[in-house]
Amino acid sequence: MRLFSGKIPIISDEVIRVLCKDGDIEIIANEEEEARLDVESVLREYLRTEREVEDQARDLLTARGLGHTGFGRAKRQIAEDRGFGLGEDAVAWICDQILDLFMHTHHIEEIYSDDQVLRRKLADILKKHMAEDEDLDLEVKKRMRHLEEGTLAWDVEYDKVQSKIRRLKGLG
């Protein structure tokens, strides 16, 4: 599962819309946009932290002179040490952060549902949007078998190939 920055406003909007419509949360009058931006900030923080973990993994491999063959393993270890979720664990990590945000934001008047209900609804929304792009991610990686994942060249080429496939499929 992968979170793409272009999906962040869509996911944030759906989270607020669904939870309000279902009566799980109540937002302070005229602050729906602020609440949506709060959710966006959690998703953007996830992407920022993910990039930071990737950079640390690259630096670690370079410092040890290991090349990039252990990139995935190093990335997972760094994420685990930081209590950060990658892959399937990303959804749970993001849900925890959004629930924590709901408890502390000044834009939400009341939370009516318990954590389990909110977590399930959040996870459903996140999985739906993150899985949509999983096929795209697999197609991009399949076209990039000539490069080693985790290298700078791989990162640059990934973005190029992904943009090309998105245009070809009309995904914007």
C-alpha atoms as a PDB file:
ATOM      1  CA  MET A   1       0.000   0.000   0.000  1.00  0.00           C
ATOM      2  CA  ARG A   2       1.302   3.399  -0.889  1.00  0.00           C
ATOM      3  CA  LEU A   3       0.134   6.917  -0.142  1.00  0.00           C
ATOM      4  CA  PHE A   4       0.576   9.395  -2.971  1.00  0.00           C
ATOM      5  CA  SER A   5       0.589  13.127  -2.289  1.00  0.00           C
ATOM      6  CA  GLY A   6      -2.028  13.751  -4.977  1.00  0.00           C
ATOM      7  CA  LYS A   7      -4.538  11.646  -3.029  1.00  0.00           C
ATOM      8  CA  ILE A   8      -4.155  13.575   0.232  1.00  0.00           C
ATOM      9  CA  PRO A   9      -6.901  16.201  -0.370  1.00  0.00           C
ATOM     10  CA  ILE A  10      -9.284  13.506  -1.644  1.00  0.00           C
ATOM     11  CA  ILE A  11      -8.693  11.258   1.357  1.00  0.00           C
ATOM     12  CA  SER A  12      -8.942  14.147   3.837  1.00  0.00           C
ATOM     13  CA  ASP A  13     -12.200  15.333   2.338  1.00  0.00           C
ATOM     14  CA  GLU A  14     -13.691  11.839   2.453  1.00  0.00           C
ATOM     15  CA  VAL A  15     -12.610  11.269   6.072  1.00  0.00           C
ATOM     16  CA  ILE A  16     -14.325  14.441   7.286  1.00  0.00           C
ATOM     17  CA  ARG A  17     -17.376  14.004   5.064  1.00  0.00           C
ATOM     18  CA  VAL A  18     -18.008  10.358   6.031  1.00  0.00           C
ATOM     19  CA  LEU A  19     -17.392  10.776   9.753  1.00  0.00           C
ATOM     20  CA  CYS A  20     -19.649  13.851   9.927  1.00  0.00           C
ATOM     21  CA  LYS A  21     -22.386  12.286   7.800  1.00  0.00           C
ATOM     22  CA  ASP A  22     -22.373   9.111   9.920  1.00  0.00           C
ATOM     23  CA  GLY A  23     -22.533  11.164  13.134  1.00  0.00           C
ATOM     24  CA  ASP A  24     -19.162   9.914  14.410  1.00  0.00           C
ATOM     25  CA  ILE A  25     -17.799  13.416  14.913  1.00  0.00           C
ATOM     26  CA  GLU A  26     -19.191  16.922  15.103  1.00  0.00           C
ATOM     27  CA  ILE A  27     -17.151  19.798  13.761  1.00  0.00           C
ATOM     28  CA  ILE A  28     -17.394  23.314  15.136  1.00  0.00           C
ATOM     29  CA  ALA A  29     -19.571  25.492  12.892  1.00  0.00           C
ATOM     30  CA  ASN A  30     -17.758  26.829   9.817  1.00  0.00           C
ATOM     31  CA  GLU A  31     -14.552  24.921  10.636  1.00  0.00           C
ATOM     32  CA  GLU A  32     -14.959  21.936   8.320  1.00  0.00           C
ATOM     33  CA  GLU A  33     -12.158  23.179   6.068  1.00  0.00           C
ATOM     34  CA  GLU A  34      -9.829  23.556   9.068  1.00  0.00           C
ATOM     35  CA  ALA A  35     -10.623  20.012  10.209  1.00  0.00           C
ATOM     36  CA  ARG A  36      -9.935  18.724   6.695  1.00  0.00           C
ATOM     37  CA  LEU A  37      -6.597  20.556   6.691  1.00  0.00           C
ATOM     38  CA  ASP A  38      -5.777  18.944  10.036  1.00  0.00           C
ATOM     39  CA  VAL A  39      -6.282  15.494   8.505  1.00  0.00           C
ATOM     40  CA  GLU A  40      -4.197  16.555   5.494  1.00  0.00           C
ATOM     41  CA  SER A  41      -1.387  17.541   7.849  1.00  0.00           C
ATOM     42  CA  VAL A  42      -1.290  14.009   9.285  1.00  0.00           C
ATOM     43  CA  LEU A  43      -1.077  12.514   5.799  1.00  0.00           C
ATOM     44  CA  ARG A  44       1.623  14.962   4.718  1.00  0.00           C
ATOM     45  CA  GLU A  45       3.572  14.198   7.887  1.00  0.00           C
ATOM     46  CA  TYR A  46       3.385  10.511   6.998  1.00  0.00           C
ATOM     47  CA  LEU A  47       4.956  11.199   3.595  1.00  0.00           C
ATOM     48  CA  ARG A  48       7.613  13.468   5.129  1.00  0.00           C
ATOM     49  CA  THR A  49       8.565  10.859   7.708  1.00  0.00           C
ATOM     50  CA  GLU A  50       8.610   8.123   5.063  1.00  0.00           C
ATOM     51  CA  ARG A  51      11.086  10.174   2.995  1.00  0.00           C
ATOM     52  CA  GLU A  52      13.170  10.792   6.109  1.00  0.00           C
ATOM     53  CA  VAL A  53      13.280   7.032   6.847  1.00  0.00           C
ATOM     54  CA  GLU A  54      14.305   6.334   3.241  1.00  0.00           C
ATOM     55  CA  ASP A  55      17.064   8.943   3.455  1.00  0.00           C
ATOM     56  CA  GLN A  56      18.335   7.466   6.712  1.00  0.00           C
ATOM     57  CA  ALA A  57      18.358   3.986   5.167  1.00  0.00           C
ATOM     58  CA  ARG A  58      20.363   5.253   2.168  1.00  0.00           C
ATOM     59  CA  ASP A  59      22.804   7.058   4.466  1.00  0.00           C
ATOM     60  CA  LEU A  60      23.218   3.960   6.627  1.00  0.00           C
ATOM     61  CA  LEU A  61      23.951   1.739   3.634  1.00  0.00           C
ATOM     62  CA  THR A  62      26.387   4.277   2.200  1.00  0.00           C
ATOM     63  CA  ALA A  63      28.190   4.680   5.540  1.00  0.00           C
ATOM     64  CA  ARG A  64      28.594   0.911   5.836  1.00  0.00           C
ATOM     65  CA  GLY A  65      29.591   0.558   2.185  1.00  0.00           C
ATOM     66  CA  LEU A  66      26.829  -1.965   1.567  1.00  0.00           C
ATOM     67  CA  GLY A  67      25.337  -0.671  -1.657  1.00  0.00           C
ATOM     68  CA  HIS A  68      21.578  -0.701  -2.007  1.00  0.00           C
ATOM     69  CA  THR A  69      20.821  -4.408  -1.856  1.00  0.00           C
ATOM     70  CA  GLY A  70      19.709  -4.168   1.776  1.00  0.00           C
ATOM     71  CA  PHE A  71      17.695  -0.987   1.313  1.00  0.00           C
ATOM     72  CA  GLY A  72      14.298  -2.532   2.112  1.00  0.00           C
ATOM     73  CA  ARG A  73      15.595  -4.293   5.205  1.00  0.00           C
ATOM     74  CA  ALA A  74      17.367  -1.138   6.468  1.00  0.00           C
ATOM     75  CA  LYS A  75      14.262   0.967   5.808  1.00  0.00           C
ATOM     76  CA  ARG A  76      12.030  -1.458   7.724  1.00  0.00           C
ATOM     77  CA  GLN A  77      14.451  -1.546  10.663  1.00  0.00           C
ATOM     78  CA  ILE A  78      14.684   2.245  10.887  1.00  0.00           C
ATOM     79  CA  ALA A  79      10.888   2.560  10.660  1.00  0.00           C
ATOM     80  CA  GLU A  80      10.442  -0.063  13.369  1.00  0.00           C
ATOM     81  CA  ASP A  81      12.940   1.692  15.648  1.00  0.00           C
ATOM     82  CA  ARG A  82      10.989   4.938  15.223  1.00  0.00           C
ATOM     83  CA  GLY A  83       7.582   3.309  15.716  1.00  0.00           C
ATOM     84  CA  PHE A  84       6.643   4.268  12.174  1.00  0.00           C
ATOM     85  CA  GLY A  85       4.417   2.123   9.947  1.00  0.00           C
ATOM     86  CA  LEU A  86       5.389   1.107   6.425  1.00  0.00           C
ATOM     87  CA  GLY A  87       3.428  -0.937   3.907  1.00  0.00           C
ATOM     88  CA  GLU A  88       0.444  -2.605   5.553  1.00  0.00           C
ATOM     89  CA  ASP A  89       1.390  -1.034   8.895  1.00  0.00           C
ATOM     90  CA  ALA A  90       1.054   2.433   7.347  1.00  0.00           C
ATOM     91  CA  VAL A  91      -2.737   2.356   7.624  1.00  0.00           C
ATOM     92  CA  ALA A  92      -2.657   1.562  11.348  1.00  0.00           C
ATOM     93  CA  TRP A  93      -0.031   4.261  11.972  1.00  0.00           C
ATOM     94  CA  ILE A  94      -2.028   6.896  10.067  1.00  0.00           C
ATOM     95  CA  CYS A  95      -5.266   5.898  11.861  1.00  0.00           C
ATOM     96  CA  ASP A  96      -3.555   6.295  15.242  1.00  0.00           C
ATOM     97  CA  GLN A  97      -2.291   9.744  14.269  1.00  0.00           C
ATOM     98  CA  ILE A  98      -5.697  10.900  13.005  1.00  0.00           C
ATOM     99  CA  LEU A  99      -7.432   9.656  16.161  1.00  0.00           C
ATOM    100  CA  ASP A 100      -4.865  11.481  18.275  1.00  0.00           C
ATOM    101  CA  LEU A 101      -5.458  14.600  16.182  1.00  0.00           C
ATOM    102  CA  PHE A 102      -9.229  14.359  16.738  1.00  0.00           C
ATOM    103  CA  MET A 103      -8.642  14.317  20.491  1.00  0.00           C
ATOM    104  CA  HIS A 104      -6.481  17.444  20.417  1.00  0.00           C
ATOM    105  CA  THR A 105      -7.750  19.662  17.606  1.00  0.00           C
ATOM    106  CA  HIS A 106      -9.836  22.721  18.361  1.00  0.00           C
ATOM    107  CA  HIS A 107     -11.915  22.213  15.216  1.00  0.00           C
ATOM    108  CA  ILE A 108     -13.819  19.159  16.394  1.00  0.00           C
ATOM    109  CA  GLU A 109     -16.626  19.860  18.838  1.00  0.00           C
ATOM    110  CA  GLU A 110     -17.429  16.295  19.860  1.00  0.00           C
ATOM    111  CA  ILE A 111     -16.490  12.688  19.101  1.00  0.00           C
ATOM    112  CA  TYR A 112     -19.469  10.365  19.421  1.00  0.00           C
ATOM    113  CA  SER A 113     -18.062   7.015  18.277  1.00  0.00           C
ATOM    114  CA  ASP A 114     -15.499   4.926  20.085  1.00  0.00           C
ATOM    115  CA  ASP A 115     -11.969   4.444  18.780  1.00  0.00           C
ATOM    116  CA  GLN A 116     -12.665   1.037  17.220  1.00  0.00           C
ATOM    117  CA  VAL A 117     -15.485   2.382  15.061  1.00  0.00           C
ATOM    118  CA  LEU A 118     -13.448   5.403  13.981  1.00  0.00           C
ATOM    119  CA  ARG A 119     -10.351   3.293  13.334  1.00  0.00           C
ATOM    120  CA  ARG A 120     -12.317   0.858  11.134  1.00  0.00           C
ATOM    121  CA  LYS A 121     -13.877   3.664   9.081  1.00  0.00           C
ATOM    122  CA  LEU A 122     -10.552   5.470   8.712  1.00  0.00           C
ATOM    123  CA  ALA A 123      -8.805   2.248   7.700  1.00  0.00           C
ATOM    124  CA  ASP A 124     -11.478   1.495   5.088  1.00  0.00           C
ATOM    125  CA  ILE A 125     -11.070   4.942   3.520  1.00  0.00           C
ATOM    126  CA  LEU A 126      -7.279   4.778   3.565  1.00  0.00           C
ATOM    127  CA  LYS A 127      -7.104   1.243   2.167  1.00  0.00           C
ATOM    128  CA  LYS A 128      -9.495   2.110  -0.619  1.00  0.00           C
ATOM    129  CA  HIS A 129      -7.405   5.034  -1.808  1.00  0.00           C
ATOM    130  CA  MET A 130      -4.008   3.518  -1.137  1.00  0.00           C
ATOM    131  CA  ALA A 131      -4.904   0.235  -2.870  1.00  0.00           C
ATOM    132  CA  GLU A 132      -6.114   2.066  -5.996  1.00  0.00           C
ATOM    133  CA  ASP A 133      -2.550   3.131  -6.602  1.00  0.00           C
ATOM    134  CA  GLU A 134      -1.029  -0.224  -5.696  1.00  0.00           C
ATOM    135  CA  ASP A 135      -1.573  -1.515  -9.235  1.00  0.00           C
ATOM    136  CA  LEU A 136       0.062   1.628 -10.611  1.00  0.00           C
ATOM    137  CA  ASP A 137       2.986   1.157  -8.230  1.00  0.00           C
ATOM    138  CA  LEU A 138       3.446  -2.472  -9.345  1.00  0.00           C
ATOM    139  CA  GLU A 139       3.345  -1.490 -13.013  1.00  0.00           C
ATOM    140  CA  VAL A 140       5.946   1.232 -12.452  1.00  0.00           C
ATOM    141  CA  LYS A 141       8.244  -1.161 -10.577  1.00  0.00           C
ATOM    142  CA  LYS A 142       7.837  -3.791 -13.284  1.00  0.00           C
ATOM    143  CA  ARG A 143       9.051  -1.309 -15.892  1.00  0.00           C
ATOM    144  CA  MET A 144      12.031  -0.366 -13.716  1.00  0.00           C
ATOM    145  CA  ARG A 145      13.610  -3.777 -13.161  1.00  0.00           C
ATOM    146  CA  HIS A 146      16.839  -2.463 -14.666  1.00  0.00           C
ATOM    147  CA  LEU A 147      17.412  -0.144 -11.677  1.00  0.00           C
ATOM    148  CA  GLU A 148      18.056  -0.967  -8.045  1.00  0.00           C
ATOM    149  CA  GLU A 149      15.388   0.256  -5.623  1.00  0.00           C
ATOM    150  CA  GLY A 150      16.624   2.811  -3.119  1.00  0.00           C
ATOM    151  CA  THR A 151      19.130   4.505  -5.371  1.00  0.00           C
ATOM    152  CA  LEU A 152      18.826   8.128  -6.400  1.00  0.00           C
ATOM    153  CA  ALA A 153      18.513   7.039 -10.031  1.00  0.00           C
ATOM    154  CA  TRP A 154      15.650   4.728  -9.056  1.00  0.00           C
ATOM    155  CA  ASP A 155      13.804   7.540  -7.241  1.00  0.00           C
ATOM    156  CA  VAL A 156      14.135   9.899 -10.202  1.00  0.00           C
ATOM    157  CA  GLU A 157      13.112   7.257 -12.736  1.00  0.00           C
ATOM    158  CA  TYR A 158      10.196   6.098 -10.555  1.00  0.00           C
ATOM    159  CA  ASP A 159       8.688   9.594 -10.629  1.00  0.00           C
ATOM    160  CA  LYS A 160       9.139   9.856 -14.406  1.00  0.00           C
ATOM    161  CA  VAL A 161       7.649   6.431 -15.169  1.00  0.00           C
ATOM    162  CA  GLN A 162       4.781   6.974 -12.742  1.00  0.00           C
ATOM    163  CA  SER A 163       3.899  10.335 -14.337  1.00  0.00           C
ATOM    164  CA  LYS A 164       4.007   8.782 -17.800  1.00  0.00           C
ATOM    165  CA  ILE A 165       1.720   5.878 -16.835  1.00  0.00           C
ATOM    166  CA  ARG A 166      -0.693   8.230 -15.046  1.00  0.00           C
ATOM    167  CA  ARG A 167      -0.976  10.351 -18.197  1.00  0.00           C
ATOM    168  CA  LEU A 168      -1.471   7.292 -20.400  1.00  0.00           C
ATOM    169  CA  LYS A 169      -4.246   5.995 -18.152  1.00  0.00           C
ATOM    170  CA  GLY A 170      -5.822   9.418 -17.724  1.00  0.00           C
ATOM    171  CA  LEU A 171      -5.152   9.516 -13.983  1.00  0.00           C
ATOM    172  CA  GLY A 172      -3.787  13.042 -14.035  1.00  0.00           C
END
